[in-house]
Amino acid sequence: MSADERRDQVIRAAVSEFAIRGLEGTSTGDIAKRVGVSQPYLFRLFPTKRDLFIAAMERGCQQVRDVFTEAAEGRYGIEALAMMGEAYQDLLLADNEMLGMQLQQFAACHDPEVQIAVRHAMQDTWQHVENLTGAPVAVRVEFFAKGMLCNMIAAMGRADGGDPMWQPILEVLRDEAHAASGQADEGDEADGSEGAGADSAPEAPEAPEVPDTDTDTNTDPDAAAEPALSIDEGADAEVHPGSPREPAYAEYVARSLTT
């Protein structure tokens, strides 16, 4: 086994331990025992337990970014965000150690060095979501807020939908992803239909407009058609008191994650 492979093995073992006992409660001896190496060898790879904790935290954050990247492939904007949110929920169900490590990393922010490392990792995730989706700050704030809600539900063991109290919330989160996917599919079908029509028959000449003095000339016959929600429209939607899209929330998050 190469040194890099051994290092990765140690980090994975550390995640398993730290996810349960945290920075303070985990023994490096337990991690070394899980991997099957001596503590002196462990400290040659990571000089302190804090260094190993930070490496485990960074591994978890990278795992989330990788899931987002895969979910957003070929998508952008609202659709990408919705697919990323659904993929994150699936990750929570599939990997409880990832969730435990994430909760422990925030709990360990009393340590100044851990706090700095966690902030940098979250800043990278924040920027990654912007790069993948192009979402403005207000929309990203809501996305991250929903993610923390998912964390809370999953930590209580109710992310499987087994609790009737939380089921409606989970359905709302899932429905958003399905709705966004449906909007994209409808758009693709519409583009295909327009293309097929253009190939099969020439476009008929437009009839001259006839003014109608008996009706309101400003009436738009297509006004009732509701367009698909874009990212910009989502950002400008009505903001209710206490919403994560309130300017105060957005400014706080932007300041915290970009400095």
C-alpha atoms as a PDB file:
ATOM      1  CA  MET A   1       0.000   0.000   0.000  1.00  0.00           C
ATOM      2  CA  SER A   2       1.380   3.400  -0.986  1.00  0.00           C
ATOM      3  CA  ALA A   3       1.739   6.277   1.443  1.00  0.00           C
ATOM      4  CA  ASP A   4      -1.152   8.131  -0.232  1.00  0.00           C
ATOM      5  CA  GLU A   5      -3.398   5.090   0.029  1.00  0.00           C
ATOM      6  CA  ARG A   6      -2.487   4.633   3.693  1.00  0.00           C
ATOM      7  CA  ARG A   7      -3.155   8.310   4.338  1.00  0.00           C
ATOM      8  CA  ASP A   8      -6.591   8.031   2.737  1.00  0.00           C
ATOM      9  CA  GLN A   9      -7.304   4.921   4.780  1.00  0.00           C
ATOM     10  CA  VAL A  10      -6.427   6.781   7.975  1.00  0.00           C
ATOM     11  CA  ILE A  11      -8.685   9.706   7.035  1.00  0.00           C
ATOM     12  CA  ARG A  12     -11.619   7.382   6.321  1.00  0.00           C
ATOM     13  CA  ALA A  13     -11.105   5.680   9.679  1.00  0.00           C
ATOM     14  CA  ALA A  14     -10.887   9.071  11.359  1.00  0.00           C
ATOM     15  CA  VAL A  15     -14.222  10.103   9.827  1.00  0.00           C
ATOM     16  CA  SER A  16     -15.833   7.000  11.342  1.00  0.00           C
ATOM     17  CA  GLU A  17     -14.508   7.888  14.798  1.00  0.00           C
ATOM     18  CA  PHE A  18     -14.879  11.667  14.728  1.00  0.00           C
ATOM     19  CA  ALA A  19     -18.440  11.433  13.361  1.00  0.00           C
ATOM     20  CA  ILE A  20     -19.493   9.769  16.615  1.00  0.00           C
ATOM     21  CA  ARG A  21     -17.229  11.204  19.301  1.00  0.00           C
ATOM     22  CA  GLY A  22     -16.095  14.516  17.876  1.00  0.00           C
ATOM     23  CA  LEU A  23     -12.737  16.220  18.160  1.00  0.00           C
ATOM     24  CA  GLU A  24     -12.480  16.111  21.944  1.00  0.00           C
ATOM     25  CA  GLY A  25     -13.930  12.655  22.538  1.00  0.00           C
ATOM     26  CA  THR A  26     -12.002  10.716  19.902  1.00  0.00           C
ATOM     27  CA  SER A  27      -8.755   8.934  20.748  1.00  0.00           C
ATOM     28  CA  THR A  28      -5.990   8.694  18.167  1.00  0.00           C
ATOM     29  CA  GLY A  29      -5.395   5.225  19.588  1.00  0.00           C
ATOM     30  CA  ASP A  30      -8.891   4.188  18.454  1.00  0.00           C
ATOM     31  CA  ILE A  31      -8.217   5.524  14.972  1.00  0.00           C
ATOM     32  CA  ALA A  32      -4.860   3.753  14.764  1.00  0.00           C
ATOM     33  CA  LYS A  33      -6.458   0.529  15.957  1.00  0.00           C
ATOM     34  CA  ARG A  34      -9.217   0.781  13.355  1.00  0.00           C
ATOM     35  CA  VAL A  35      -6.634   1.184  10.582  1.00  0.00           C
ATOM     36  CA  GLY A  36      -4.190  -1.351  12.021  1.00  0.00           C
ATOM     37  CA  VAL A  37      -1.213   0.966  12.449  1.00  0.00           C
ATOM     38  CA  SER A  38       0.721   2.239  15.446  1.00  0.00           C
ATOM     39  CA  GLN A  39       0.125   5.666  16.957  1.00  0.00           C
ATOM     40  CA  PRO A  40       3.696   6.799  16.119  1.00  0.00           C
ATOM     41  CA  TYR A  41       2.995   5.983  12.467  1.00  0.00           C
ATOM     42  CA  LEU A  42      -0.291   7.890  12.673  1.00  0.00           C
ATOM     43  CA  PHE A  43       1.513  10.962  13.974  1.00  0.00           C
ATOM     44  CA  ARG A  44       4.033  10.764  11.153  1.00  0.00           C
ATOM     45  CA  LEU A  45       1.114  11.281   8.773  1.00  0.00           C
ATOM     46  CA  PHE A  46      -0.699  13.851  10.919  1.00  0.00           C
ATOM     47  CA  PRO A  47       1.363  15.648  13.579  1.00  0.00           C
ATOM     48  CA  THR A  48      -1.685  16.375  15.767  1.00  0.00           C
ATOM     49  CA  LYS A  49      -5.189  15.048  16.282  1.00  0.00           C
ATOM     50  CA  ARG A  50      -6.438  18.456  15.167  1.00  0.00           C
ATOM     51  CA  ASP A  51      -4.647  18.055  11.827  1.00  0.00           C
ATOM     52  CA  LEU A  52      -6.328  14.699  11.303  1.00  0.00           C
ATOM     53  CA  PHE A  53      -9.720  16.139  12.254  1.00  0.00           C
ATOM     54  CA  ILE A  54      -9.298  18.936   9.721  1.00  0.00           C
ATOM     55  CA  ALA A  55      -8.339  16.429   7.017  1.00  0.00           C
ATOM     56  CA  ALA A  56     -11.455  14.385   7.826  1.00  0.00           C
ATOM     57  CA  MET A  57     -13.603  17.511   7.696  1.00  0.00           C
ATOM     58  CA  GLU A  58     -12.155  18.545   4.340  1.00  0.00           C
ATOM     59  CA  ARG A  59     -12.804  15.070   2.946  1.00  0.00           C
ATOM     60  CA  GLY A  60     -16.493  15.347   3.892  1.00  0.00           C
ATOM     61  CA  CYS A  61     -16.863  18.783   2.327  1.00  0.00           C
ATOM     62  CA  GLN A  62     -15.216  17.577  -0.870  1.00  0.00           C
ATOM     63  CA  GLN A  63     -17.608  14.637  -0.928  1.00  0.00           C
ATOM     64  CA  VAL A  64     -20.557  17.046  -0.886  1.00  0.00           C
ATOM     65  CA  ARG A  65     -19.047  19.175  -3.658  1.00  0.00           C
ATOM     66  CA  ASP A  66     -18.495  16.060  -5.782  1.00  0.00           C
ATOM     67  CA  VAL A  67     -22.141  15.059  -5.305  1.00  0.00           C
ATOM     68  CA  PHE A  68     -23.242  18.542  -6.354  1.00  0.00           C
ATOM     69  CA  THR A  69     -21.029  18.444  -9.439  1.00  0.00           C
ATOM     70  CA  GLU A  70     -22.445  15.118 -10.575  1.00  0.00           C
ATOM     71  CA  ALA A  71     -26.049  16.166  -9.919  1.00  0.00           C
ATOM     72  CA  ALA A  72     -25.686  19.455 -11.800  1.00  0.00           C
ATOM     73  CA  GLU A  73     -24.069  17.941 -14.896  1.00  0.00           C
ATOM     74  CA  GLY A  74     -25.792  19.268 -18.021  1.00  0.00           C
ATOM     75  CA  ARG A  75     -28.007  21.598 -15.993  1.00  0.00           C
ATOM     76  CA  TYR A  76     -27.923  25.192 -14.813  1.00  0.00           C
ATOM     77  CA  GLY A  77     -29.906  27.613 -12.684  1.00  0.00           C
ATOM     78  CA  ILE A  78     -32.984  26.469 -10.780  1.00  0.00           C
ATOM     79  CA  GLU A  79     -32.930  23.000 -12.316  1.00  0.00           C
ATOM     80  CA  ALA A  80     -29.332  22.423 -11.218  1.00  0.00           C
ATOM     81  CA  LEU A  81     -30.083  23.610  -7.684  1.00  0.00           C
ATOM     82  CA  ALA A  82     -33.096  21.319  -7.410  1.00  0.00           C
ATOM     83  CA  MET A  83     -31.160  18.276  -8.597  1.00  0.00           C
ATOM     84  CA  MET A  84     -28.298  19.123  -6.236  1.00  0.00           C
ATOM     85  CA  GLY A  85     -30.737  19.387  -3.333  1.00  0.00           C
ATOM     86  CA  GLU A  86     -32.261  16.004  -4.113  1.00  0.00           C
ATOM     87  CA  ALA A  87     -28.825  14.420  -4.454  1.00  0.00           C
ATOM     88  CA  TYR A  88     -27.851  15.862  -1.073  1.00  0.00           C
ATOM     89  CA  GLN A  89     -30.899  14.293   0.547  1.00  0.00           C
ATOM     90  CA  ASP A  90     -29.941  10.950  -0.980  1.00  0.00           C
ATOM     91  CA  LEU A  91     -26.417  11.361   0.389  1.00  0.00           C
ATOM     92  CA  LEU A  92     -27.768  11.973   3.885  1.00  0.00           C
ATOM     93  CA  LEU A  93     -29.738   8.739   3.696  1.00  0.00           C
ATOM     94  CA  ALA A  94     -26.801   6.763   2.314  1.00  0.00           C
ATOM     95  CA  ASP A  95     -23.943   8.039   4.500  1.00  0.00           C
ATOM     96  CA  ASN A  96     -24.685   8.855   8.130  1.00  0.00           C
ATOM     97  CA  GLU A  97     -20.961   9.271   8.838  1.00  0.00           C
ATOM     98  CA  MET A  98     -20.858  12.220   6.437  1.00  0.00           C
ATOM     99  CA  LEU A  99     -23.680  13.852   8.379  1.00  0.00           C
ATOM    100  CA  GLY A 100     -22.062  13.093  11.727  1.00  0.00           C
ATOM    101  CA  MET A 101     -18.752  14.550  10.587  1.00  0.00           C
ATOM    102  CA  GLN A 102     -20.496  17.667   9.340  1.00  0.00           C
ATOM    103  CA  LEU A 103     -22.255  18.201  12.651  1.00  0.00           C
ATOM    104  CA  GLN A 104     -19.033  17.585  14.569  1.00  0.00           C
ATOM    105  CA  GLN A 105     -17.070  20.048  12.441  1.00  0.00           C
ATOM    106  CA  PHE A 106     -19.373  22.874  13.487  1.00  0.00           C
ATOM    107  CA  ALA A 107     -19.311  21.744  17.120  1.00  0.00           C
ATOM    108  CA  ALA A 108     -15.495  21.878  17.041  1.00  0.00           C
ATOM    109  CA  CYS A 109     -15.359  25.489  15.857  1.00  0.00           C
ATOM    110  CA  HIS A 110     -14.526  26.546  19.412  1.00  0.00           C
ATOM    111  CA  ASP A 111     -10.977  25.638  18.364  1.00  0.00           C
ATOM    112  CA  PRO A 112      -9.607  28.636  16.414  1.00  0.00           C
ATOM    113  CA  GLU A 113      -7.649  26.540  13.913  1.00  0.00           C
ATOM    114  CA  VAL A 114     -10.595  24.253  13.229  1.00  0.00           C
ATOM    115  CA  GLN A 115     -12.867  27.262  12.888  1.00  0.00           C
ATOM    116  CA  ILE A 116     -10.650  28.767  10.191  1.00  0.00           C
ATOM    117  CA  ALA A 117     -10.419  25.459   8.321  1.00  0.00           C
ATOM    118  CA  VAL A 118     -14.190  24.891   8.461  1.00  0.00           C
ATOM    119  CA  ARG A 119     -14.867  28.430   7.271  1.00  0.00           C
ATOM    120  CA  HIS A 120     -12.535  27.987   4.304  1.00  0.00           C
ATOM    121  CA  ALA A 121     -14.125  24.631   3.415  1.00  0.00           C
ATOM    122  CA  MET A 122     -17.623  26.115   3.542  1.00  0.00           C
ATOM    123  CA  GLN A 123     -16.487  29.113   1.516  1.00  0.00           C
ATOM    124  CA  ASP A 124     -15.270  26.686  -1.146  1.00  0.00           C
ATOM    125  CA  THR A 125     -18.648  24.920  -1.134  1.00  0.00           C
ATOM    126  CA  TRP A 126     -20.499  28.236  -1.301  1.00  0.00           C
ATOM    127  CA  GLN A 127     -18.437  29.318  -4.317  1.00  0.00           C
ATOM    128  CA  HIS A 128     -18.814  25.894  -5.917  1.00  0.00           C
ATOM    129  CA  VAL A 129     -22.599  26.182  -5.815  1.00  0.00           C
ATOM    130  CA  GLU A 130     -22.395  29.595  -7.478  1.00  0.00           C
ATOM    131  CA  ASN A 131     -20.077  28.245 -10.184  1.00  0.00           C
ATOM    132  CA  LEU A 132     -22.390  25.309 -10.912  1.00  0.00           C
ATOM    133  CA  THR A 133     -25.675  27.212 -10.928  1.00  0.00           C
ATOM    134  CA  GLY A 134     -25.064  30.932 -11.366  1.00  0.00           C
ATOM    135  CA  ALA A 135     -27.515  31.486  -8.519  1.00  0.00           C
ATOM    136  CA  PRO A 136     -27.470  34.922  -6.839  1.00  0.00           C
ATOM    137  CA  VAL A 137     -26.764  35.258  -3.139  1.00  0.00           C
ATOM    138  CA  ALA A 138     -30.413  35.242  -2.014  1.00  0.00           C
ATOM    139  CA  VAL A 139     -31.168  31.989  -3.834  1.00  0.00           C
ATOM    140  CA  ARG A 140     -28.015  30.320  -2.510  1.00  0.00           C
ATOM    141  CA  VAL A 141     -28.938  31.397   1.015  1.00  0.00           C
ATOM    142  CA  GLU A 142     -32.247  29.575   0.686  1.00  0.00           C
ATOM    143  CA  PHE A 143     -30.515  26.519  -0.794  1.00  0.00           C
ATOM    144  CA  PHE A 144     -28.077  26.267   2.113  1.00  0.00           C
ATOM    145  CA  ALA A 145     -30.874  26.906   4.619  1.00  0.00           C
ATOM    146  CA  LYS A 146     -32.820  23.972   3.188  1.00  0.00           C
ATOM    147  CA  GLY A 147     -29.687  21.863   3.403  1.00  0.00           C
ATOM    148  CA  MET A 148     -29.358  22.601   7.112  1.00  0.00           C
ATOM    149  CA  LEU A 149     -33.033  21.702   7.578  1.00  0.00           C
ATOM    150  CA  CYS A 150     -32.305  18.363   5.894  1.00  0.00           C
ATOM    151  CA  ASN A 151     -29.348  17.882   8.252  1.00  0.00           C
ATOM    152  CA  MET A 152     -31.585  18.463  11.255  1.00  0.00           C
ATOM    153  CA  ILE A 153     -34.222  15.984  10.066  1.00  0.00           C
ATOM    154  CA  ALA A 154     -31.606  13.376   9.128  1.00  0.00           C
ATOM    155  CA  ALA A 155     -29.799  13.755  12.466  1.00  0.00           C
ATOM    156  CA  MET A 156     -33.047  12.943  14.266  1.00  0.00           C
ATOM    157  CA  GLY A 157     -33.405   9.793  12.183  1.00  0.00           C
ATOM    158  CA  ARG A 158     -36.473  10.970  10.282  1.00  0.00           C
ATOM    159  CA  ALA A 159     -35.081  11.547   6.797  1.00  0.00           C
ATOM    160  CA  ASP A 160     -36.538   8.232   5.641  1.00  0.00           C
ATOM    161  CA  GLY A 161     -40.033   9.708   5.769  1.00  0.00           C
ATOM    162  CA  GLY A 162     -41.089   7.385   8.574  1.00  0.00           C
ATOM    163  CA  ASP A 163     -42.349  10.216  10.790  1.00  0.00           C
ATOM    164  CA  PRO A 164     -45.703  11.733   9.687  1.00  0.00           C
ATOM    165  CA  MET A 165     -44.711  15.092  11.175  1.00  0.00           C
ATOM    166  CA  TRP A 166     -41.737  15.500   8.850  1.00  0.00           C
ATOM    167  CA  GLN A 167     -43.183  13.772   5.773  1.00  0.00           C
ATOM    168  CA  PRO A 168     -44.882  16.917   4.359  1.00  0.00           C
ATOM    169  CA  ILE A 169     -41.603  18.842   4.649  1.00  0.00           C
ATOM    170  CA  LEU A 170     -39.671  16.125   2.835  1.00  0.00           C
ATOM    171  CA  GLU A 171     -42.334  16.006   0.133  1.00  0.00           C
ATOM    172  CA  VAL A 172     -42.016  19.754  -0.452  1.00  0.00           C
ATOM    173  CA  LEU A 173     -38.254  19.454  -0.831  1.00  0.00           C
ATOM    174  CA  ARG A 174     -38.606  16.528  -3.229  1.00  0.00           C
ATOM    175  CA  ASP A 175     -41.416  18.152  -5.234  1.00  0.00           C
ATOM    176  CA  GLU A 176     -39.215  21.157  -5.966  1.00  0.00           C
ATOM    177  CA  ALA A 177     -36.646  18.924  -7.640  1.00  0.00           C
ATOM    178  CA  HIS A 178     -39.284  17.079  -9.653  1.00  0.00           C
ATOM    179  CA  ALA A 179     -40.955  20.333 -10.726  1.00  0.00           C
ATOM    180  CA  ALA A 180     -37.666  21.808 -11.896  1.00  0.00           C
ATOM    181  CA  SER A 181     -36.869  18.658 -13.844  1.00  0.00           C
ATOM    182  CA  GLY A 182     -40.326  18.739 -15.430  1.00  0.00           C
ATOM    183  CA  GLN A 183     -39.913  22.354 -16.519  1.00  0.00           C
ATOM    184  CA  ALA A 184     -36.635  21.514 -18.226  1.00  0.00           C
ATOM    185  CA  ASP A 185     -38.156  18.498 -19.989  1.00  0.00           C
ATOM    186  CA  GLU A 186     -41.102  20.578 -21.224  1.00  0.00           C
ATOM    187  CA  GLY A 187     -38.682  23.161 -22.555  1.00  0.00           C
ATOM    188  CA  ASP A 188     -36.738  20.517 -24.452  1.00  0.00           C
ATOM    189  CA  GLU A 189     -39.941  19.073 -25.920  1.00  0.00           C
ATOM    190  CA  ALA A 190     -41.102  22.510 -26.982  1.00  0.00           C
ATOM    191  CA  ASP A 191     -37.803  23.184 -28.720  1.00  0.00           C
ATOM    192  CA  GLY A 192     -38.040  19.848 -30.489  1.00  0.00           C
ATOM    193  CA  SER A 193     -41.608  20.507 -31.630  1.00  0.00           C
ATOM    194  CA  GLU A 194     -40.699  23.899 -33.001  1.00  0.00           C
ATOM    195  CA  GLY A 195     -37.800  22.381 -34.887  1.00  0.00           C
ATOM    196  CA  ALA A 196     -39.985  19.627 -36.357  1.00  0.00           C
ATOM    197  CA  GLY A 197     -42.615  22.127 -37.448  1.00  0.00           C
ATOM    198  CA  ALA A 198     -40.054  24.258 -39.193  1.00  0.00           C
ATOM    199  CA  ASP A 199     -38.799  21.270 -41.180  1.00  0.00           C
ATOM    200  CA  SER A 200     -42.205  19.937 -42.216  1.00  0.00           C
ATOM    201  CA  ALA A 201     -43.938  23.067 -43.483  1.00  0.00           C
ATOM    202  CA  PRO A 202     -43.121  26.694 -44.197  1.00  0.00           C
ATOM    203  CA  GLU A 203     -44.364  29.213 -41.704  1.00  0.00           C
ATOM    204  CA  ALA A 204     -47.662  30.788 -42.689  1.00  0.00           C
ATOM    205  CA  PRO A 205     -47.598  34.538 -43.256  1.00  0.00           C
ATOM    206  CA  GLU A 206     -48.745  36.551 -40.303  1.00  0.00           C
ATOM    207  CA  ALA A 207     -52.237  37.981 -40.668  1.00  0.00           C
ATOM    208  CA  PRO A 208     -52.511  41.749 -40.513  1.00  0.00           C
ATOM    209  CA  GLU A 209     -53.571  43.100 -37.157  1.00  0.00           C
ATOM    210  CA  VAL A 210     -57.131  44.360 -37.073  1.00  0.00           C
ATOM    211  CA  PRO A 211     -57.861  46.955 -34.426  1.00  0.00           C
ATOM    212  CA  ASP A 212     -60.827  46.124 -32.196  1.00  0.00           C
ATOM    213  CA  THR A 213     -62.527  49.167 -30.768  1.00  0.00           C
ATOM    214  CA  ASP A 214     -64.905  47.084 -28.630  1.00  0.00           C
ATOM    215  CA  THR A 215     -62.168  45.522 -26.496  1.00  0.00           C
ATOM    216  CA  ASP A 216     -59.214  46.685 -24.503  1.00  0.00           C
ATOM    217  CA  THR A 217     -56.358  47.094 -26.966  1.00  0.00           C
ATOM    218  CA  ASN A 218     -53.866  46.362 -24.197  1.00  0.00           C
ATOM    219  CA  THR A 219     -55.221  42.856 -23.576  1.00  0.00           C
ATOM    220  CA  ASP A 220     -52.596  40.210 -24.203  1.00  0.00           C
ATOM    221  CA  PRO A 221     -54.134  36.817 -25.124  1.00  0.00           C
ATOM    222  CA  ASP A 222     -51.020  35.071 -23.815  1.00  0.00           C
ATOM    223  CA  ALA A 223     -50.911  36.982 -20.547  1.00  0.00           C
ATOM    224  CA  ALA A 224     -52.408  34.078 -18.618  1.00  0.00           C
ATOM    225  CA  ALA A 225     -49.569  31.757 -19.602  1.00  0.00           C
ATOM    226  CA  GLU A 226     -47.198  31.491 -16.654  1.00  0.00           C
ATOM    227  CA  PRO A 227     -43.530  31.199 -17.671  1.00  0.00           C
ATOM    228  CA  ALA A 228     -41.139  28.853 -15.945  1.00  0.00           C
ATOM    229  CA  LEU A 229     -39.457  30.407 -12.935  1.00  0.00           C
ATOM    230  CA  SER A 230     -35.960  31.608 -13.701  1.00  0.00           C
ATOM    231  CA  ILE A 231     -33.197  32.129 -11.185  1.00  0.00           C
ATOM    232  CA  ASP A 232     -33.516  35.907 -11.446  1.00  0.00           C
ATOM    233  CA  GLU A 233     -37.289  35.777 -10.975  1.00  0.00           C
ATOM    234  CA  GLY A 234     -36.784  33.485  -8.012  1.00  0.00           C
ATOM    235  CA  ALA A 235     -34.423  36.002  -6.466  1.00  0.00           C
ATOM    236  CA  ASP A 236     -36.942  38.833  -6.954  1.00  0.00           C
ATOM    237  CA  ALA A 237     -39.946  36.902  -5.606  1.00  0.00           C
ATOM    238  CA  GLU A 238     -41.871  38.275  -2.657  1.00  0.00           C
ATOM    239  CA  VAL A 239     -39.900  37.871   0.540  1.00  0.00           C
ATOM    240  CA  HIS A 240     -41.836  37.044   3.703  1.00  0.00           C
ATOM    241  CA  PRO A 241     -40.632  38.052   7.180  1.00  0.00           C
ATOM    242  CA  GLY A 242     -38.273  35.418   8.520  1.00  0.00           C
ATOM    243  CA  SER A 243     -37.497  34.039   5.073  1.00  0.00           C
ATOM    244  CA  PRO A 244     -33.879  33.069   4.318  1.00  0.00           C
ATOM    245  CA  ARG A 245     -34.157  35.467   1.364  1.00  0.00           C
ATOM    246  CA  GLU A 246     -34.488  38.526   3.572  1.00  0.00           C
ATOM    247  CA  PRO A 247     -31.675  40.997   2.776  1.00  0.00           C
ATOM    248  CA  ALA A 248     -30.312  40.714   6.310  1.00  0.00           C
ATOM    249  CA  TYR A 249     -29.837  36.964   5.907  1.00  0.00           C
ATOM    250  CA  ALA A 250     -28.235  37.326   2.495  1.00  0.00           C
ATOM    251  CA  GLU A 251     -25.856  40.042   3.674  1.00  0.00           C
ATOM    252  CA  TYR A 252     -24.871  38.038   6.751  1.00  0.00           C
ATOM    253  CA  VAL A 253     -24.191  34.888   4.771  1.00  0.00           C
ATOM    254  CA  ALA A 254     -22.294  36.711   2.034  1.00  0.00           C
ATOM    255  CA  ARG A 255     -20.122  38.430   4.636  1.00  0.00           C
ATOM    256  CA  SER A 256     -19.475  35.185   6.497  1.00  0.00           C
ATOM    257  CA  LEU A 257     -18.649  33.075   3.464  1.00  0.00           C
ATOM    258  CA  THR A 258     -16.677  35.515   1.342  1.00  0.00           C
ATOM    259  CA  THR A 259     -14.276  37.051   3.877  1.00  0.00           C
END
